[in-house]
Amino acid sequence: MADAKQTLPKKDAEIESLRKQIVNLNDEKSAFCQQHKQGIAKLRNGNKTEIDKAIRENERLNKTIKDKDAHIAKQDKRIDEFDRKVNPQRYHLSSGAELVHHFIPNLMYPSLHIWTKVGDEEYDVSRSGVSYDLVKQFSENKIIIHELVNEVFEPWEQVSEVQANLLGQAFIFACGGEGQVRVGTGSGGSQSELPWRDKDKNKNRGARR
């Protein structure tokens, strides 16, 4: 932890530097796109020599744009890697489940549909009336999808009862230590004292098993 605290300022500075590089690269890409349009305009009015020259220039610009896109993607990947090392807690659901997929059908009137997995057990749940400000932060890359899900869904809303039993004590700890999970070994199956009654009350909020 001491080493991590010492390296955090440096990592944050590196991330900010990379973000500025991406902004500059996007500006350069826009400029190249403008030149590309000008080259197309020359094609309409120029003679064959000018047309051939414009075609070559257009090919050069297309290659440059492609190279810039690849460089931006590489920088984005580096930022993501830095962030995962500096802020690993951002990339986990509070329930401990794996986030398999998510879907936000409308950014203006947002709802959130998620698919989670624990072992071989999968589960999906949706929620309408999600805060527009939260979704806007996500769309602007200020928060990642795991943070958005944790804001919208409580830990016990992110998983099914079967998944919660698979997670066991880890799930109880994530929920603040409330309740007990008991997995039976006889014909009685499994029992749970997790807050499923509260979860059932929220079915009208869009959650489904």
N, C-alpha and C. Protein backbone atom coordinates (compact mmCIF):
# COMPACT_ATOMS: atom_id res chain seq x y z
N MET A 1 0.83 -1.21 0.00
CA MET A 1 0.00 0.00 0.00
C MET A 1 0.86 1.26 0.00
N ALA A 2 1.98 1.21 0.78
CA ALA A 2 2.87 2.38 0.82
C ALA A 2 3.48 2.64 -0.55
N ASP A 3 3.93 1.56 -1.21
CA ASP A 3 4.49 1.72 -2.55
C ASP A 3 3.44 2.24 -3.53
N ALA A 4 2.22 1.72 -3.40
CA ALA A 4 1.14 2.15 -4.30
C ALA A 4 0.85 3.63 -4.12
N LYS A 5 0.82 4.10 -2.87
CA LYS A 5 0.54 5.52 -2.61
C LYS A 5 1.62 6.42 -3.20
N GLN A 6 2.87 5.95 -3.18
CA GLN A 6 3.95 6.75 -3.73
C GLN A 6 3.88 6.83 -5.25
N THR A 7 3.40 5.75 -5.88
CA THR A 7 3.36 5.73 -7.35
C THR A 7 2.08 6.32 -7.93
N LEU A 8 1.04 6.51 -7.10
CA LEU A 8 -0.23 7.03 -7.60
C LEU A 8 -0.08 8.37 -8.31
N PRO A 9 0.56 9.38 -7.72
CA PRO A 9 0.68 10.68 -8.41
C PRO A 9 1.35 10.55 -9.77
N LYS A 10 2.41 9.71 -9.82
CA LYS A 10 3.09 9.52 -11.09
C LYS A 10 2.19 8.87 -12.12
N LYS A 11 1.44 7.84 -11.69
CA LYS A 11 0.53 7.16 -12.61
C LYS A 11 -0.56 8.11 -13.09
N ASP A 12 -1.11 8.91 -12.18
CA ASP A 12 -2.16 9.87 -12.56
C ASP A 12 -1.62 10.85 -13.59
N ALA A 13 -0.38 11.30 -13.40
CA ALA A 13 0.23 12.24 -14.34
C ALA A 13 0.42 11.60 -15.70
N GLU A 14 0.83 10.32 -15.70
CA GLU A 14 1.00 9.60 -16.96
C GLU A 14 -0.32 9.43 -17.68
N ILE A 15 -1.35 9.11 -16.92
CA ILE A 15 -2.68 8.95 -17.52
C ILE A 15 -3.15 10.26 -18.13
N GLU A 16 -2.97 11.37 -17.40
CA GLU A 16 -3.39 12.69 -17.91
C GLU A 16 -2.60 13.04 -19.17
N SER A 17 -1.31 12.72 -19.19
CA SER A 17 -0.49 12.98 -20.38
C SER A 17 -0.98 12.19 -21.57
N LEU A 18 -1.34 10.94 -21.34
CA LEU A 18 -1.86 10.10 -22.42
C LEU A 18 -3.19 10.63 -22.94
N ARG A 19 -4.03 11.11 -22.02
CA ARG A 19 -5.33 11.66 -22.44
C ARG A 19 -5.11 12.89 -23.34
N LYS A 20 -4.14 13.74 -23.00
CA LYS A 20 -3.84 14.92 -23.81
C LYS A 20 -3.33 14.51 -25.19
N GLN A 21 -2.52 13.44 -25.22
CA GLN A 21 -2.03 12.95 -26.51
C GLN A 21 -3.19 12.51 -27.39
N ILE A 22 -4.16 11.85 -26.78
CA ILE A 22 -5.32 11.37 -27.54
C ILE A 22 -6.11 12.55 -28.11
N VAL A 23 -6.29 13.60 -27.30
CA VAL A 23 -6.98 14.81 -27.78
C VAL A 23 -6.25 15.39 -28.98
N ASN A 24 -4.91 15.49 -28.88
CA ASN A 24 -4.12 16.03 -29.98
C ASN A 24 -4.22 15.16 -31.22
N LEU A 25 -4.18 13.84 -31.02
CA LEU A 25 -4.29 12.93 -32.15
C LEU A 25 -5.65 13.03 -32.83
N ASN A 26 -6.69 13.21 -32.04
CA ASN A 26 -8.03 13.39 -32.63
C ASN A 26 -8.10 14.68 -33.44
N ASP A 27 -7.44 15.74 -32.96
CA ASP A 27 -7.39 17.00 -33.70
C ASP A 27 -6.67 16.81 -35.03
N GLU A 28 -5.56 16.07 -34.98
CA GLU A 28 -4.81 15.82 -36.21
C GLU A 28 -5.66 14.99 -37.18
N LYS A 29 -6.39 14.04 -36.63
CA LYS A 29 -7.24 13.21 -37.48
C LYS A 29 -8.30 14.06 -38.18
N SER A 30 -8.89 15.01 -37.44
CA SER A 30 -9.90 15.90 -38.03
C SER A 30 -9.30 16.72 -39.17
N ALA A 31 -8.05 17.19 -38.95
CA ALA A 31 -7.39 17.98 -40.00
C ALA A 31 -7.15 17.14 -41.24
N PHE A 32 -6.73 15.90 -41.04
CA PHE A 32 -6.50 15.01 -42.19
C PHE A 32 -7.81 14.73 -42.92
N CYS A 33 -8.89 14.57 -42.16
CA CYS A 33 -10.20 14.34 -42.79
C CYS A 33 -10.61 15.53 -43.65
N GLN A 34 -10.29 16.73 -43.19
CA GLN A 34 -10.62 17.94 -43.96
C GLN A 34 -9.82 17.96 -45.26
N GLN A 35 -8.53 17.58 -45.17
CA GLN A 35 -7.72 17.51 -46.38
C GLN A 35 -8.27 16.45 -47.33
N HIS A 36 -8.76 15.39 -46.77
CA HIS A 36 -9.36 14.32 -47.58
C HIS A 36 -10.54 14.86 -48.39
N LYS A 37 -11.39 15.66 -47.75
CA LYS A 37 -12.54 16.25 -48.45
C LYS A 37 -12.08 17.19 -49.56
N GLN A 38 -11.03 17.94 -49.28
CA GLN A 38 -10.51 18.86 -50.30
C GLN A 38 -9.97 18.10 -51.50
N GLY A 39 -9.36 16.93 -51.21
CA GLY A 39 -8.86 16.10 -52.31
C GLY A 39 -9.98 15.59 -53.18
N ILE A 40 -11.11 15.23 -52.58
CA ILE A 40 -12.28 14.78 -53.36
C ILE A 40 -12.81 15.91 -54.24
N ALA A 41 -12.80 17.14 -53.69
CA ALA A 41 -13.27 18.30 -54.47
C ALA A 41 -12.40 18.50 -55.72
N LYS A 42 -11.09 18.29 -55.57
CA LYS A 42 -10.18 18.43 -56.72
C LYS A 42 -10.49 17.40 -57.79
N LEU A 43 -10.92 16.23 -57.37
CA LEU A 43 -11.25 15.18 -58.33
C LEU A 43 -12.35 15.60 -59.29
N ARG A 44 -13.26 16.43 -58.81
CA ARG A 44 -14.42 16.82 -59.62
C ARG A 44 -14.05 17.82 -60.71
N ASN A 45 -13.03 18.64 -60.47
CA ASN A 45 -12.74 19.73 -61.40
C ASN A 45 -11.36 19.64 -62.07
N GLY A 46 -10.51 18.74 -61.62
CA GLY A 46 -9.13 18.71 -62.13
C GLY A 46 -8.99 17.89 -63.40
N ASN A 47 -7.81 18.04 -64.06
CA ASN A 47 -7.50 17.20 -65.21
C ASN A 47 -6.90 15.89 -64.74
N LYS A 48 -6.49 15.03 -65.66
CA LYS A 48 -6.03 13.69 -65.29
C LYS A 48 -4.82 13.73 -64.36
N THR A 49 -3.89 14.64 -64.65
CA THR A 49 -2.69 14.73 -63.80
C THR A 49 -3.07 15.10 -62.37
N GLU A 50 -3.95 16.09 -62.29
CA GLU A 50 -4.40 16.52 -60.97
C GLU A 50 -5.21 15.42 -60.28
N ILE A 51 -6.00 14.70 -61.09
CA ILE A 51 -6.79 13.60 -60.53
C ILE A 51 -5.89 12.51 -59.96
N ASP A 52 -4.85 12.12 -60.74
CA ASP A 52 -3.91 11.10 -60.25
C ASP A 52 -3.22 11.56 -58.98
N LYS A 53 -2.84 12.83 -58.97
CA LYS A 53 -2.17 13.38 -57.78
C LYS A 53 -3.12 13.37 -56.58
N ALA A 54 -4.38 13.75 -56.83
CA ALA A 54 -5.37 13.77 -55.74
C ALA A 54 -5.64 12.36 -55.22
N ILE A 55 -5.66 11.38 -56.13
CA ILE A 55 -5.88 9.99 -55.71
C ILE A 55 -4.75 9.51 -54.81
N ARG A 56 -3.50 9.82 -55.22
CA ARG A 56 -2.35 9.43 -54.40
C ARG A 56 -2.40 10.11 -53.03
N GLU A 57 -2.75 11.39 -53.05
CA GLU A 57 -2.84 12.13 -51.79
C GLU A 57 -3.95 11.57 -50.90
N ASN A 58 -5.05 11.20 -51.56
CA ASN A 58 -6.16 10.62 -50.81
C ASN A 58 -5.76 9.29 -50.16
N GLU A 59 -5.01 8.48 -50.90
CA GLU A 59 -4.53 7.21 -50.35
C GLU A 59 -3.58 7.45 -49.18
N ARG A 60 -2.72 8.47 -49.32
CA ARG A 60 -1.78 8.79 -48.25
C ARG A 60 -2.54 9.23 -46.99
N LEU A 61 -3.54 10.08 -47.21
CA LEU A 61 -4.31 10.58 -46.08
C LEU A 61 -5.08 9.44 -45.40
N ASN A 62 -5.63 8.54 -46.20
CA ASN A 62 -6.35 7.40 -45.62
C ASN A 62 -5.42 6.53 -44.76
N LYS A 63 -4.20 6.34 -45.24
CA LYS A 63 -3.23 5.56 -44.47
C LYS A 63 -2.85 6.29 -43.18
N THR A 64 -2.68 7.61 -43.29
CA THR A 64 -2.33 8.40 -42.10
C THR A 64 -3.45 8.33 -41.07
N ILE A 65 -4.70 8.47 -41.53
CA ILE A 65 -5.84 8.40 -40.62
C ILE A 65 -5.90 7.02 -39.95
N LYS A 66 -5.65 5.98 -40.73
CA LYS A 66 -5.66 4.62 -40.18
C LYS A 66 -4.58 4.46 -39.12
N ASP A 67 -3.38 5.02 -39.40
CA ASP A 67 -2.28 4.95 -38.44
C ASP A 67 -2.61 5.72 -37.17
N LYS A 68 -3.26 6.89 -37.32
CA LYS A 68 -3.65 7.69 -36.15
C LYS A 68 -4.67 6.94 -35.30
N ASP A 69 -5.63 6.29 -35.97
CA ASP A 69 -6.64 5.51 -35.23
C ASP A 69 -5.98 4.38 -34.44
N ALA A 70 -5.00 3.72 -35.07
CA ALA A 70 -4.31 2.63 -34.38
C ALA A 70 -3.53 3.15 -33.18
N HIS A 71 -2.91 4.33 -33.34
CA HIS A 71 -2.14 4.93 -32.24
C HIS A 71 -3.08 5.34 -31.10
N ILE A 72 -4.23 5.91 -31.45
CA ILE A 72 -5.21 6.30 -30.42
C ILE A 72 -5.69 5.07 -29.66
N ALA A 73 -5.97 3.99 -30.40
CA ALA A 73 -6.43 2.75 -29.75
C ALA A 73 -5.35 2.21 -28.81
N LYS A 74 -4.10 2.32 -29.23
CA LYS A 74 -2.99 1.85 -28.39
C LYS A 74 -2.89 2.69 -27.12
N GLN A 75 -3.06 4.02 -27.25
CA GLN A 75 -2.99 4.89 -26.09
C GLN A 75 -4.16 4.63 -25.14
N ASP A 76 -5.34 4.39 -25.72
CA ASP A 76 -6.51 4.06 -24.89
C ASP A 76 -6.25 2.79 -24.09
N LYS A 77 -5.61 1.81 -24.72
CA LYS A 77 -5.31 0.56 -24.04
C LYS A 77 -4.32 0.79 -22.90
N ARG A 78 -3.33 1.65 -23.13
CA ARG A 78 -2.34 1.95 -22.08
C ARG A 78 -3.01 2.65 -20.90
N ILE A 79 -3.93 3.58 -21.19
CA ILE A 79 -4.65 4.26 -20.12
C ILE A 79 -5.46 3.27 -19.31
N ASP A 80 -6.13 2.34 -20.01
CA ASP A 80 -6.94 1.33 -19.32
C ASP A 80 -6.07 0.45 -18.44
N GLU A 81 -4.89 0.07 -18.93
CA GLU A 81 -3.98 -0.76 -18.15
C GLU A 81 -3.49 -0.02 -16.91
N PHE A 82 -3.14 1.27 -17.06
CA PHE A 82 -2.71 2.07 -15.92
C PHE A 82 -3.82 2.17 -14.89
N ASP A 83 -5.03 2.42 -15.38
CA ASP A 83 -6.15 2.62 -14.47
C ASP A 83 -6.47 1.34 -13.71
N ARG A 84 -6.37 0.19 -14.37
CA ARG A 84 -6.63 -1.08 -13.71
C ARG A 84 -5.63 -1.35 -12.59
N LYS A 85 -4.39 -0.90 -12.79
CA LYS A 85 -3.37 -1.10 -11.76
C LYS A 85 -3.57 -0.13 -10.59
N VAL A 86 -3.93 1.12 -10.91
CA VAL A 86 -4.06 2.14 -9.88
C VAL A 86 -5.38 2.02 -9.13
N ASN A 87 -6.45 1.68 -9.85
CA ASN A 87 -7.79 1.63 -9.25
C ASN A 87 -8.47 0.28 -9.53
N PRO A 88 -7.91 -0.81 -9.02
CA PRO A 88 -8.50 -2.14 -9.34
C PRO A 88 -9.92 -2.29 -8.85
N GLN A 89 -10.31 -1.55 -7.79
CA GLN A 89 -11.66 -1.70 -7.24
C GLN A 89 -12.73 -1.22 -8.21
N ARG A 90 -12.36 -0.40 -9.18
CA ARG A 90 -13.34 0.11 -10.14
C ARG A 90 -13.85 -0.99 -11.08
N TYR A 91 -13.12 -2.06 -11.19
CA TYR A 91 -13.40 -3.07 -12.22
C TYR A 91 -14.06 -4.32 -11.64
N HIS A 92 -14.72 -4.19 -10.50
CA HIS A 92 -15.40 -5.31 -9.88
C HIS A 92 -16.83 -4.92 -9.49
N LEU A 93 -17.76 -5.86 -9.64
CA LEU A 93 -19.11 -5.65 -9.14
C LEU A 93 -19.11 -5.84 -7.63
N SER A 94 -19.94 -5.07 -6.94
CA SER A 94 -19.99 -5.15 -5.49
C SER A 94 -20.48 -6.51 -4.99
N SER A 95 -21.19 -7.25 -5.85
CA SER A 95 -21.67 -8.59 -5.47
C SER A 95 -20.58 -9.65 -5.58
N GLY A 96 -19.52 -9.36 -6.33
CA GLY A 96 -18.49 -10.35 -6.58
C GLY A 96 -18.73 -11.16 -7.84
N ALA A 97 -19.87 -10.95 -8.51
CA ALA A 97 -20.17 -11.67 -9.74
C ALA A 97 -19.38 -11.10 -10.91
N GLU A 98 -19.30 -11.87 -11.99
CA GLU A 98 -18.66 -11.40 -13.22
C GLU A 98 -19.70 -10.70 -14.10
N LEU A 99 -19.36 -9.50 -14.59
CA LEU A 99 -20.25 -8.79 -15.50
C LEU A 99 -19.97 -9.28 -16.92
N VAL A 100 -20.94 -9.98 -17.51
CA VAL A 100 -20.76 -10.58 -18.82
C VAL A 100 -21.10 -9.60 -19.94
N HIS A 101 -22.20 -8.85 -19.76
CA HIS A 101 -22.67 -7.98 -20.83
C HIS A 101 -23.58 -6.92 -20.24
N HIS A 102 -23.71 -5.79 -20.95
CA HIS A 102 -24.64 -4.76 -20.51
C HIS A 102 -25.29 -4.11 -21.74
N PHE A 103 -26.44 -3.48 -21.53
CA PHE A 103 -27.15 -2.85 -22.64
C PHE A 103 -27.90 -1.64 -22.12
N ILE A 104 -27.66 -0.47 -22.76
CA ILE A 104 -28.39 0.76 -22.45
C ILE A 104 -29.09 1.18 -23.74
N PRO A 105 -30.38 0.88 -23.88
CA PRO A 105 -31.06 1.09 -25.17
C PRO A 105 -31.27 2.56 -25.55
N ASN A 106 -31.39 3.44 -24.57
CA ASN A 106 -31.70 4.84 -24.87
C ASN A 106 -30.98 5.74 -23.89
N LEU A 107 -30.06 6.59 -24.40
CA LEU A 107 -29.28 7.45 -23.52
C LEU A 107 -30.09 8.63 -22.98
N MET A 108 -31.15 9.01 -23.67
CA MET A 108 -31.95 10.15 -23.21
C MET A 108 -32.91 9.75 -22.09
N TYR A 109 -33.48 8.55 -22.21
CA TYR A 109 -34.37 8.03 -21.16
C TYR A 109 -33.83 6.66 -20.75
N PRO A 110 -32.71 6.68 -20.03
CA PRO A 110 -31.93 5.45 -19.88
C PRO A 110 -32.54 4.39 -18.98
N SER A 111 -32.32 3.17 -19.41
CA SER A 111 -32.53 1.99 -18.58
C SER A 111 -31.27 1.15 -18.72
N LEU A 112 -31.05 0.24 -17.80
CA LEU A 112 -29.82 -0.57 -17.81
C LEU A 112 -30.18 -2.04 -17.66
N HIS A 113 -29.69 -2.84 -18.59
CA HIS A 113 -29.88 -4.28 -18.57
C HIS A 113 -28.50 -4.92 -18.44
N ILE A 114 -28.33 -5.79 -17.45
CA ILE A 114 -27.03 -6.43 -17.24
C ILE A 114 -27.17 -7.95 -17.21
N TRP A 115 -26.10 -8.62 -17.59
CA TRP A 115 -26.00 -10.08 -17.51
C TRP A 115 -24.79 -10.40 -16.63
N THR A 116 -24.99 -11.21 -15.59
CA THR A 116 -23.90 -11.57 -14.69
C THR A 116 -23.71 -13.08 -14.68
N LYS A 117 -22.55 -13.50 -14.17
CA LYS A 117 -22.24 -14.93 -14.15
C LYS A 117 -21.42 -15.25 -12.91
N VAL A 118 -21.78 -16.35 -12.26
CA VAL A 118 -21.01 -16.91 -11.14
C VAL A 118 -20.87 -18.39 -11.41
N GLY A 119 -19.64 -18.84 -11.64
CA GLY A 119 -19.45 -20.23 -12.05
C GLY A 119 -20.14 -20.46 -13.39
N ASP A 120 -21.04 -21.44 -13.44
CA ASP A 120 -21.80 -21.71 -14.66
C ASP A 120 -23.19 -21.10 -14.62
N GLU A 121 -23.52 -20.42 -13.51
CA GLU A 121 -24.85 -19.84 -13.35
C GLU A 121 -24.88 -18.42 -13.92
N GLU A 122 -25.81 -18.19 -14.85
CA GLU A 122 -25.98 -16.87 -15.44
C GLU A 122 -27.29 -16.24 -14.96
N TYR A 123 -27.34 -14.93 -15.03
CA TYR A 123 -28.51 -14.18 -14.52
C TYR A 123 -28.57 -12.85 -15.25
N ASP A 124 -29.77 -12.37 -15.52
CA ASP A 124 -29.90 -11.05 -16.11
C ASP A 124 -31.00 -10.27 -15.40
N VAL A 125 -30.83 -8.98 -15.34
CA VAL A 125 -31.78 -8.11 -14.65
C VAL A 125 -31.74 -6.74 -15.31
N SER A 126 -32.86 -6.03 -15.31
CA SER A 126 -32.90 -4.70 -15.92
C SER A 126 -33.52 -3.70 -14.95
N ARG A 127 -33.22 -2.45 -15.16
CA ARG A 127 -33.74 -1.39 -14.31
C ARG A 127 -34.04 -0.17 -15.20
N SER A 128 -35.26 0.33 -15.12
CA SER A 128 -35.62 1.53 -15.87
C SER A 128 -35.49 2.75 -14.96
N GLY A 129 -35.59 3.93 -15.54
CA GLY A 129 -35.51 5.16 -14.76
C GLY A 129 -34.13 5.42 -14.17
N VAL A 130 -33.08 4.98 -14.86
CA VAL A 130 -31.72 5.19 -14.39
C VAL A 130 -31.37 6.68 -14.52
N SER A 131 -30.61 7.19 -13.58
CA SER A 131 -30.22 8.60 -13.59
C SER A 131 -29.51 8.98 -14.89
N TYR A 132 -30.01 10.02 -15.55
CA TYR A 132 -29.38 10.50 -16.79
C TYR A 132 -27.96 10.98 -16.52
N ASP A 133 -27.74 11.64 -15.39
CA ASP A 133 -26.41 12.15 -15.06
C ASP A 133 -25.40 11.01 -14.94
N LEU A 134 -25.84 9.89 -14.34
CA LEU A 134 -24.95 8.73 -14.22
C LEU A 134 -24.57 8.18 -15.59
N VAL A 135 -25.57 8.01 -16.45
CA VAL A 135 -25.31 7.47 -17.78
C VAL A 135 -24.46 8.44 -18.59
N LYS A 136 -24.66 9.74 -18.39
CA LYS A 136 -23.84 10.74 -19.08
C LYS A 136 -22.37 10.62 -18.65
N GLN A 137 -22.15 10.43 -17.34
CA GLN A 137 -20.78 10.24 -16.86
C GLN A 137 -20.15 9.00 -17.50
N PHE A 138 -20.95 7.94 -17.65
CA PHE A 138 -20.45 6.72 -18.28
C PHE A 138 -20.13 6.96 -19.76
N SER A 139 -21.01 7.67 -20.46
CA SER A 139 -20.79 7.92 -21.89
C SER A 139 -19.59 8.82 -22.13
N GLU A 140 -19.23 9.64 -21.13
CA GLU A 140 -18.07 10.53 -21.24
C GLU A 140 -16.81 9.89 -20.64
N ASN A 141 -16.88 8.60 -20.31
CA ASN A 141 -15.75 7.84 -19.77
C ASN A 141 -15.25 8.36 -18.42
N LYS A 142 -16.14 9.01 -17.67
CA LYS A 142 -15.77 9.47 -16.34
C LYS A 142 -15.92 8.35 -15.31
N ILE A 143 -16.84 7.43 -15.58
CA ILE A 143 -16.96 6.21 -14.78
C ILE A 143 -17.03 5.04 -15.75
N ILE A 144 -16.67 3.85 -15.28
CA ILE A 144 -16.74 2.67 -16.14
C ILE A 144 -18.02 1.90 -15.84
N ILE A 145 -18.28 0.88 -16.65
CA ILE A 145 -19.56 0.17 -16.55
C ILE A 145 -19.74 -0.48 -15.19
N HIS A 146 -18.67 -0.99 -14.58
CA HIS A 146 -18.80 -1.63 -13.26
C HIS A 146 -19.27 -0.62 -12.22
N GLU A 147 -18.75 0.61 -12.29
CA GLU A 147 -19.16 1.65 -11.34
C GLU A 147 -20.61 2.04 -11.58
N LEU A 148 -21.03 2.10 -12.84
CA LEU A 148 -22.42 2.42 -13.16
C LEU A 148 -23.35 1.34 -12.60
N VAL A 149 -23.00 0.07 -12.83
CA VAL A 149 -23.84 -1.03 -12.33
C VAL A 149 -23.94 -0.98 -10.81
N ASN A 150 -22.81 -0.73 -10.13
CA ASN A 150 -22.81 -0.68 -8.67
C ASN A 150 -23.65 0.47 -8.13
N GLU A 151 -23.77 1.56 -8.91
CA GLU A 151 -24.61 2.69 -8.50
C GLU A 151 -26.09 2.37 -8.70
N VAL A 152 -26.41 1.62 -9.75
CA VAL A 152 -27.81 1.35 -10.10
C VAL A 152 -28.38 0.16 -9.31
N PHE A 153 -27.57 -0.88 -9.13
CA PHE A 153 -28.03 -2.11 -8.49
C PHE A 153 -27.30 -2.35 -7.17
N GLU A 154 -28.05 -2.71 -6.14
CA GLU A 154 -27.44 -3.16 -4.90
C GLU A 154 -26.77 -4.52 -5.15
N PRO A 155 -25.83 -4.94 -4.27
CA PRO A 155 -25.15 -6.22 -4.50
C PRO A 155 -26.10 -7.38 -4.70
N TRP A 156 -27.14 -7.47 -3.85
CA TRP A 156 -28.06 -8.62 -3.95
C TRP A 156 -29.00 -8.52 -5.15
N GLU A 157 -29.04 -7.35 -5.81
CA GLU A 157 -29.84 -7.21 -7.02
C GLU A 157 -29.05 -7.63 -8.26
N GLN A 158 -27.75 -7.78 -8.13
CA GLN A 158 -26.90 -8.11 -9.27
C GLN A 158 -26.83 -9.60 -9.54
N VAL A 159 -27.33 -10.42 -8.61
CA VAL A 159 -27.19 -11.87 -8.73
C VAL A 159 -28.51 -12.56 -8.37
N SER A 160 -28.62 -13.80 -8.80
CA SER A 160 -29.75 -14.63 -8.40
C SER A 160 -29.45 -15.26 -7.05
N GLU A 161 -30.45 -15.89 -6.44
CA GLU A 161 -30.24 -16.54 -5.16
C GLU A 161 -29.25 -17.70 -5.30
N VAL A 162 -29.33 -18.42 -6.43
CA VAL A 162 -28.39 -19.52 -6.67
C VAL A 162 -26.96 -18.98 -6.74
N GLN A 163 -26.79 -17.85 -7.46
CA GLN A 163 -25.45 -17.26 -7.56
C GLN A 163 -24.95 -16.80 -6.20
N ALA A 164 -25.85 -16.22 -5.39
CA ALA A 164 -25.46 -15.76 -4.07
C ALA A 164 -24.97 -16.93 -3.22
N ASN A 165 -25.64 -18.06 -3.31
CA ASN A 165 -25.21 -19.24 -2.56
C ASN A 165 -23.85 -19.75 -3.05
N LEU A 166 -23.60 -19.59 -4.37
CA LEU A 166 -22.31 -19.99 -4.91
C LEU A 166 -21.20 -19.06 -4.40
N LEU A 167 -21.53 -17.78 -4.29
CA LEU A 167 -20.55 -16.82 -3.80
C LEU A 167 -20.31 -16.98 -2.30
N GLY A 168 -21.33 -17.45 -1.58
CA GLY A 168 -21.19 -17.75 -0.16
C GLY A 168 -20.80 -16.56 0.68
N GLN A 169 -19.81 -16.74 1.54
CA GLN A 169 -19.42 -15.72 2.49
C GLN A 169 -18.91 -14.45 1.82
N ALA A 170 -18.33 -14.59 0.62
CA ALA A 170 -17.85 -13.40 -0.10
C ALA A 170 -19.01 -12.47 -0.40
N PHE A 171 -20.16 -13.05 -0.74
CA PHE A 171 -21.34 -12.23 -1.03
C PHE A 171 -21.84 -11.54 0.24
N ILE A 172 -21.84 -12.27 1.35
CA ILE A 172 -22.29 -11.68 2.62
C ILE A 172 -21.41 -10.51 2.99
N PHE A 173 -20.09 -10.67 2.82
CA PHE A 173 -19.16 -9.61 3.16
C PHE A 173 -19.41 -8.38 2.26
N ALA A 174 -19.67 -8.63 0.96
CA ALA A 174 -19.93 -7.53 0.03
C ALA A 174 -21.20 -6.78 0.39
N CYS A 175 -22.15 -7.47 1.02
CA CYS A 175 -23.42 -6.85 1.41
C CYS A 175 -23.33 -6.23 2.81
N GLY A 176 -22.15 -6.15 3.36
CA GLY A 176 -22.00 -5.52 4.66
C GLY A 176 -22.08 -6.48 5.82
N GLY A 177 -21.97 -7.78 5.55
CA GLY A 177 -21.96 -8.77 6.61
C GLY A 177 -23.32 -9.17 7.12
N GLU A 178 -24.39 -8.77 6.42
CA GLU A 178 -25.73 -9.10 6.89
C GLU A 178 -26.17 -10.45 6.35
N GLY A 179 -26.87 -11.22 7.19
CA GLY A 179 -27.45 -12.48 6.74
C GLY A 179 -26.46 -13.61 6.77
N GLN A 180 -26.95 -14.82 6.60
CA GLN A 180 -26.14 -16.02 6.57
C GLN A 180 -26.56 -16.86 5.37
N VAL A 181 -25.61 -17.47 4.72
CA VAL A 181 -25.90 -18.39 3.63
C VAL A 181 -25.59 -19.79 4.11
N ARG A 182 -26.57 -20.68 4.03
CA ARG A 182 -26.37 -22.06 4.46
C ARG A 182 -26.70 -22.97 3.28
N VAL A 183 -25.75 -23.75 2.85
CA VAL A 183 -25.97 -24.68 1.75
C VAL A 183 -26.14 -26.06 2.35
N GLY A 184 -27.32 -26.65 2.20
CA GLY A 184 -27.60 -27.96 2.78
C GLY A 184 -26.97 -29.08 1.99
N THR A 185 -26.72 -30.19 2.67
CA THR A 185 -26.13 -31.35 2.00
C THR A 185 -27.12 -32.48 1.86
N GLY A 186 -28.31 -32.32 2.47
CA GLY A 186 -29.31 -33.39 2.38
C GLY A 186 -30.37 -33.06 1.37
N SER A 187 -31.53 -33.67 1.54
CA SER A 187 -32.62 -33.50 0.58
C SER A 187 -33.25 -32.13 0.68
N GLY A 188 -32.92 -31.40 1.74
CA GLY A 188 -33.54 -30.09 1.94
C GLY A 188 -33.01 -29.03 1.01
N GLY A 189 -31.90 -29.30 0.27
CA GLY A 189 -31.36 -28.32 -0.66
C GLY A 189 -30.66 -27.20 0.08
N SER A 190 -30.73 -25.99 -0.45
CA SER A 190 -30.02 -24.86 0.14
C SER A 190 -31.01 -23.88 0.72
N GLN A 191 -30.55 -23.15 1.73
CA GLN A 191 -31.38 -22.14 2.35
C GLN A 191 -30.58 -20.84 2.41
N SER A 192 -31.28 -19.74 2.45
CA SER A 192 -30.59 -18.45 2.50
C SER A 192 -31.38 -17.48 3.34
N GLU A 193 -30.64 -16.69 4.13
CA GLU A 193 -31.27 -15.61 4.88
C GLU A 193 -30.84 -14.26 4.33
N LEU A 194 -30.37 -14.24 3.06
CA LEU A 194 -30.02 -12.98 2.42
C LEU A 194 -31.30 -12.19 2.14
N PRO A 195 -31.18 -10.90 1.84
CA PRO A 195 -32.38 -10.05 1.74
C PRO A 195 -33.18 -10.25 0.47
N TRP A 196 -33.59 -11.51 0.19
CA TRP A 196 -34.37 -11.74 -1.03
C TRP A 196 -35.77 -11.16 -0.92
N ARG A 197 -36.31 -11.07 0.29
CA ARG A 197 -37.65 -10.47 0.42
C ARG A 197 -37.60 -9.03 -0.07
N ASP A 198 -36.55 -8.30 0.30
CA ASP A 198 -36.42 -6.93 -0.18
C ASP A 198 -36.27 -6.90 -1.69
N LYS A 199 -35.54 -7.88 -2.22
CA LYS A 199 -35.35 -7.94 -3.67
C LYS A 199 -36.67 -8.17 -4.38
N ASP A 200 -37.51 -9.06 -3.80
CA ASP A 200 -38.81 -9.33 -4.41
C ASP A 200 -39.66 -8.08 -4.47
N LYS A 201 -39.52 -7.20 -3.46
CA LYS A 201 -40.31 -5.98 -3.45
C LYS A 201 -39.96 -5.07 -4.62
N ASN A 202 -38.75 -5.26 -5.18
CA ASN A 202 -38.30 -4.39 -6.24
C ASN A 202 -38.58 -4.93 -7.63
N LYS A 203 -39.40 -6.01 -7.71
CA LYS A 203 -39.68 -6.58 -9.03
C LYS A 203 -40.35 -5.58 -9.95
N ASN A 204 -41.18 -4.70 -9.37
CA ASN A 204 -41.87 -3.72 -10.21
C ASN A 204 -40.92 -2.64 -10.71
N ARG A 205 -39.65 -2.69 -10.27
CA ARG A 205 -38.67 -1.72 -10.75
C ARG A 205 -37.92 -2.24 -11.95
N GLY A 206 -38.34 -3.38 -12.49
CA GLY A 206 -37.75 -3.87 -13.74
C GLY A 206 -36.87 -5.08 -13.56
N ALA A 207 -36.67 -5.55 -12.32
CA ALA A 207 -35.79 -6.70 -12.13
C ALA A 207 -36.55 -7.97 -12.45
N ARG A 208 -35.83 -8.93 -13.05
CA ARG A 208 -36.42 -10.24 -13.33
C ARG A 208 -35.33 -11.28 -13.26
N ARG A 209 -35.74 -12.51 -12.97
CA ARG A 209 -34.76 -13.58 -12.91
C ARG A 209 -34.65 -14.26 -14.26
